[in-house]
Amino acid sequence: MNIPAELKYTKDHEWIKIDGDIATIGITDFAQGELGDIVYVEVETVDETLDREEVFGTVEAVKTVSDLFLPVSGEILEFNEDLEAEPEKVNEDPYGAGWMVRVKMSDSSEVEDLLDAEAYKELIGG
């Protein structure tokens, strides 16, 4: 199971990478494995400002649809449009080419409430 140490995680299995006040967000390797083959990623919240833990989109797999929850409050700047044609990138490279959105954080202190790699590993029983 791939759990990069430099990222932060949520109990809902999203990961977040911080670069200044910009956060890149996706779902974890564990989450994509649990979902199975991802067939569609929908994000219709670009240019909207959302609170932490609000739904910013959905991911559809062969067997289920799951909501995507925002780990931090902020404005959705960008959706990874590559996922429209190739949603399988989430399965193949969840921490790289399978990223989902970029967000301009409105309160960077919220990052402190997220899980580090060790805590996330414990959460999923790793």
C-alpha atoms as a PDB file:
ATOM      1  CA  MET A   1       0.000   0.000   0.000  1.00  0.00           C
ATOM      2  CA  ASN A   2       1.449   3.326  -1.074  1.00  0.00           C
ATOM      3  CA  ILE A   3       1.107   6.086   1.576  1.00  0.00           C
ATOM      4  CA  PRO A   4       3.532   8.923   0.725  1.00  0.00           C
ATOM      5  CA  ALA A   5       4.987  10.483   3.887  1.00  0.00           C
ATOM      6  CA  GLU A   6       4.949  14.059   2.533  1.00  0.00           C
ATOM      7  CA  LEU A   7       1.143  14.150   2.134  1.00  0.00           C
ATOM      8  CA  LYS A   8      -1.679  14.683   4.626  1.00  0.00           C
ATOM      9  CA  TYR A   9      -4.801  12.503   4.720  1.00  0.00           C
ATOM     10  CA  THR A  10      -8.453  12.540   5.790  1.00  0.00           C
ATOM     11  CA  LYS A  11     -10.564   9.878   7.445  1.00  0.00           C
ATOM     12  CA  ASP A  12     -12.605   9.913   4.206  1.00  0.00           C
ATOM     13  CA  HIS A  13      -9.521   8.718   2.256  1.00  0.00           C
ATOM     14  CA  GLU A  14      -8.603  11.924   0.452  1.00  0.00           C
ATOM     15  CA  TRP A  15      -4.979  13.044   0.275  1.00  0.00           C
ATOM     16  CA  ILE A  16      -3.739  16.617   0.167  1.00  0.00           C
ATOM     17  CA  LYS A  17      -0.432  18.076  -0.984  1.00  0.00           C
ATOM     18  CA  ILE A  18       0.342  21.625   0.149  1.00  0.00           C
ATOM     19  CA  ASP A  19       2.322  24.120  -1.949  1.00  0.00           C
ATOM     20  CA  GLY A  20       2.086  27.565  -0.341  1.00  0.00           C
ATOM     21  CA  ASP A  21      -1.640  28.344  -0.148  1.00  0.00           C
ATOM     22  CA  ILE A  22      -2.499  25.913  -2.970  1.00  0.00           C
ATOM     23  CA  ALA A  23      -3.605  22.376  -2.144  1.00  0.00           C
ATOM     24  CA  THR A  24      -3.745  19.514  -4.633  1.00  0.00           C
ATOM     25  CA  ILE A  25      -6.306  16.873  -3.646  1.00  0.00           C
ATOM     26  CA  GLY A  26      -7.127  13.329  -4.726  1.00  0.00           C
ATOM     27  CA  ILE A  27      -8.142   9.984  -3.277  1.00  0.00           C
ATOM     28  CA  THR A  28      -5.712   7.570  -1.682  1.00  0.00           C
ATOM     29  CA  ASP A  29      -4.328   4.334  -3.044  1.00  0.00           C
ATOM     30  CA  PHE A  30      -6.433   2.532  -0.415  1.00  0.00           C
ATOM     31  CA  ALA A  31      -9.611   4.314  -1.590  1.00  0.00           C
ATOM     32  CA  GLN A  32      -9.086   3.569  -5.284  1.00  0.00           C
ATOM     33  CA  GLY A  33      -8.393  -0.068  -4.396  1.00  0.00           C
ATOM     34  CA  GLU A  34     -11.606  -0.307  -2.376  1.00  0.00           C
ATOM     35  CA  LEU A  35     -13.646   1.352  -5.140  1.00  0.00           C
ATOM     36  CA  GLY A  36     -12.291  -0.819  -7.941  1.00  0.00           C
ATOM     37  CA  ASP A  37     -12.222   0.329 -11.566  1.00  0.00           C
ATOM     38  CA  ILE A  38     -13.059   4.025 -11.691  1.00  0.00           C
ATOM     39  CA  VAL A  39     -15.197   4.907 -14.695  1.00  0.00           C
ATOM     40  CA  TYR A  40     -16.083   8.564 -14.075  1.00  0.00           C
ATOM     41  CA  VAL A  41     -14.963  11.529 -11.972  1.00  0.00           C
ATOM     42  CA  GLU A  42     -17.355  14.460 -11.699  1.00  0.00           C
ATOM     43  CA  VAL A  43     -16.398  17.851 -10.292  1.00  0.00           C
ATOM     44  CA  GLU A  44     -18.773  20.751 -10.972  1.00  0.00           C
ATOM     45  CA  THR A  45     -17.471  23.051  -8.227  1.00  0.00           C
ATOM     46  CA  VAL A  46     -14.641  24.861 -10.067  1.00  0.00           C
ATOM     47  CA  ASP A  47     -14.604  28.579  -9.113  1.00  0.00           C
ATOM     48  CA  GLU A  48     -16.765  27.865  -6.048  1.00  0.00           C
ATOM     49  CA  THR A  49     -15.614  28.439  -2.476  1.00  0.00           C
ATOM     50  CA  LEU A  50     -16.451  25.530  -0.200  1.00  0.00           C
ATOM     51  CA  ASP A  51     -16.011  24.769   3.480  1.00  0.00           C
ATOM     52  CA  ARG A  52     -13.917  21.915   4.795  1.00  0.00           C
ATOM     53  CA  GLU A  53     -15.737  18.558   4.576  1.00  0.00           C
ATOM     54  CA  GLU A  54     -18.198  19.806   1.931  1.00  0.00           C
ATOM     55  CA  VAL A  55     -18.709  17.589  -1.110  1.00  0.00           C
ATOM     56  CA  PHE A  56     -16.688  18.888  -4.077  1.00  0.00           C
ATOM     57  CA  GLY A  57     -17.489  16.074  -6.509  1.00  0.00           C
ATOM     58  CA  THR A  58     -18.100  12.381  -6.962  1.00  0.00           C
ATOM     59  CA  VAL A  59     -16.141   9.403  -8.186  1.00  0.00           C
ATOM     60  CA  GLU A  60     -17.987   6.581  -9.911  1.00  0.00           C
ATOM     61  CA  ALA A  61     -16.650   3.055  -9.980  1.00  0.00           C
ATOM     62  CA  VAL A  62     -18.154  -0.042 -11.553  1.00  0.00           C
ATOM     63  CA  LYS A  63     -19.844  -1.018  -8.288  1.00  0.00           C
ATOM     64  CA  THR A  64     -20.524   2.291  -6.477  1.00  0.00           C
ATOM     65  CA  VAL A  65     -20.563   6.099  -6.475  1.00  0.00           C
ATOM     66  CA  SER A  66     -18.730   7.959  -3.694  1.00  0.00           C
ATOM     67  CA  ASP A  67     -18.782  11.585  -2.664  1.00  0.00           C
ATOM     68  CA  LEU A  68     -15.490  13.476  -2.527  1.00  0.00           C
ATOM     69  CA  PHE A  69     -15.022  15.634   0.580  1.00  0.00           C
ATOM     70  CA  LEU A  70     -12.839  18.743   0.686  1.00  0.00           C
ATOM     71  CA  PRO A  71     -10.070  18.385   3.332  1.00  0.00           C
ATOM     72  CA  VAL A  72      -9.677  22.177   3.724  1.00  0.00           C
ATOM     73  CA  SER A  73     -11.833  25.248   3.080  1.00  0.00           C
ATOM     74  CA  GLY A  74     -11.108  27.209  -0.065  1.00  0.00           C
ATOM     75  CA  GLU A  75     -11.824  28.043  -3.683  1.00  0.00           C
ATOM     76  CA  ILE A  76     -11.722  25.213  -6.227  1.00  0.00           C
ATOM     77  CA  LEU A  77      -9.283  26.569  -8.827  1.00  0.00           C
ATOM     78  CA  GLU A  78      -8.898  23.643 -11.189  1.00  0.00           C
ATOM     79  CA  PHE A  79     -10.225  20.203 -12.025  1.00  0.00           C
ATOM     80  CA  ASN A  80      -7.883  17.641 -13.581  1.00  0.00           C
ATOM     81  CA  GLU A  81      -9.614  17.546 -16.959  1.00  0.00           C
ATOM     82  CA  ASP A  82      -7.492  14.573 -18.060  1.00  0.00           C
ATOM     83  CA  LEU A  83      -9.797  12.483 -15.861  1.00  0.00           C
ATOM     84  CA  GLU A  84     -12.768  13.215 -18.136  1.00  0.00           C
ATOM     85  CA  ALA A  85     -11.245  11.063 -20.891  1.00  0.00           C
ATOM     86  CA  GLU A  86      -9.095   8.820 -18.680  1.00  0.00           C
ATOM     87  CA  PRO A  87     -10.685   8.297 -15.227  1.00  0.00           C
ATOM     88  CA  GLU A  88      -8.551   5.147 -14.858  1.00  0.00           C
ATOM     89  CA  LYS A  89      -5.591   7.438 -14.052  1.00  0.00           C
ATOM     90  CA  VAL A  90      -7.017   7.536 -10.519  1.00  0.00           C
ATOM     91  CA  ASN A  91      -6.503   3.763 -10.282  1.00  0.00           C
ATOM     92  CA  GLU A  92      -3.113   3.788 -12.010  1.00  0.00           C
ATOM     93  CA  ASP A  93      -1.490   6.793 -10.301  1.00  0.00           C
ATOM     94  CA  PRO A  94      -3.687   8.175  -7.480  1.00  0.00           C
ATOM     95  CA  TYR A  95      -0.954  10.478  -6.099  1.00  0.00           C
ATOM     96  CA  GLY A  96       0.294  11.731  -9.474  1.00  0.00           C
ATOM     97  CA  ALA A  97      -1.630  11.849 -12.759  1.00  0.00           C
ATOM     98  CA  GLY A  98      -4.828  10.885 -10.893  1.00  0.00           C
ATOM     99  CA  TRP A  99      -5.063  14.087  -8.809  1.00  0.00           C
ATOM    100  CA  MET A 100      -8.548  15.594  -8.844  1.00  0.00           C
ATOM    101  CA  VAL A 101      -8.639  19.292  -7.881  1.00  0.00           C
ATOM    102  CA  ARG A 102      -6.447  22.228  -6.895  1.00  0.00           C
ATOM    103  CA  VAL A 103      -7.743  24.551  -4.192  1.00  0.00           C
ATOM    104  CA  LYS A 104      -6.691  27.974  -2.932  1.00  0.00           C
ATOM    105  CA  MET A 105      -6.908  27.441   0.824  1.00  0.00           C
ATOM    106  CA  SER A 106      -8.747  30.067   2.858  1.00  0.00           C
ATOM    107  CA  ASP A 107      -7.446  28.803   6.238  1.00  0.00           C
ATOM    108  CA  SER A 108      -4.143  26.935   6.086  1.00  0.00           C
ATOM    109  CA  SER A 109      -4.341  26.112   9.815  1.00  0.00           C
ATOM    110  CA  GLU A 110      -6.969  23.468   8.931  1.00  0.00           C
ATOM    111  CA  VAL A 111      -4.104  21.316   7.609  1.00  0.00           C
ATOM    112  CA  GLU A 112      -3.043  20.728  11.220  1.00  0.00           C
ATOM    113  CA  ASP A 113      -6.263  18.724  11.790  1.00  0.00           C
ATOM    114  CA  LEU A 114      -5.426  16.226   9.028  1.00  0.00           C
ATOM    115  CA  LEU A 115      -3.744  12.845   9.453  1.00  0.00           C
ATOM    116  CA  ASP A 116      -0.078  12.254   8.723  1.00  0.00           C
ATOM    117  CA  ALA A 117       1.027   9.100   6.890  1.00  0.00           C
ATOM    118  CA  GLU A 118       1.481   7.088  10.110  1.00  0.00           C
ATOM    119  CA  ALA A 119      -1.963   8.025  11.476  1.00  0.00           C
ATOM    120  CA  TYR A 120      -3.578   7.235   8.123  1.00  0.00           C
ATOM    121  CA  LYS A 121      -1.814   3.866   8.004  1.00  0.00           C
ATOM    122  CA  GLU A 122      -3.262   3.074  11.451  1.00  0.00           C
ATOM    123  CA  LEU A 123      -6.731   4.184  10.312  1.00  0.00           C
ATOM    124  CA  ILE A 124      -6.782   1.671   7.461  1.00  0.00           C
ATOM    125  CA  GLY A 125      -5.204  -1.060   9.551  1.00  0.00           C
ATOM    126  CA  GLY A 126      -1.810  -0.963   7.826  1.00  0.00           C
END
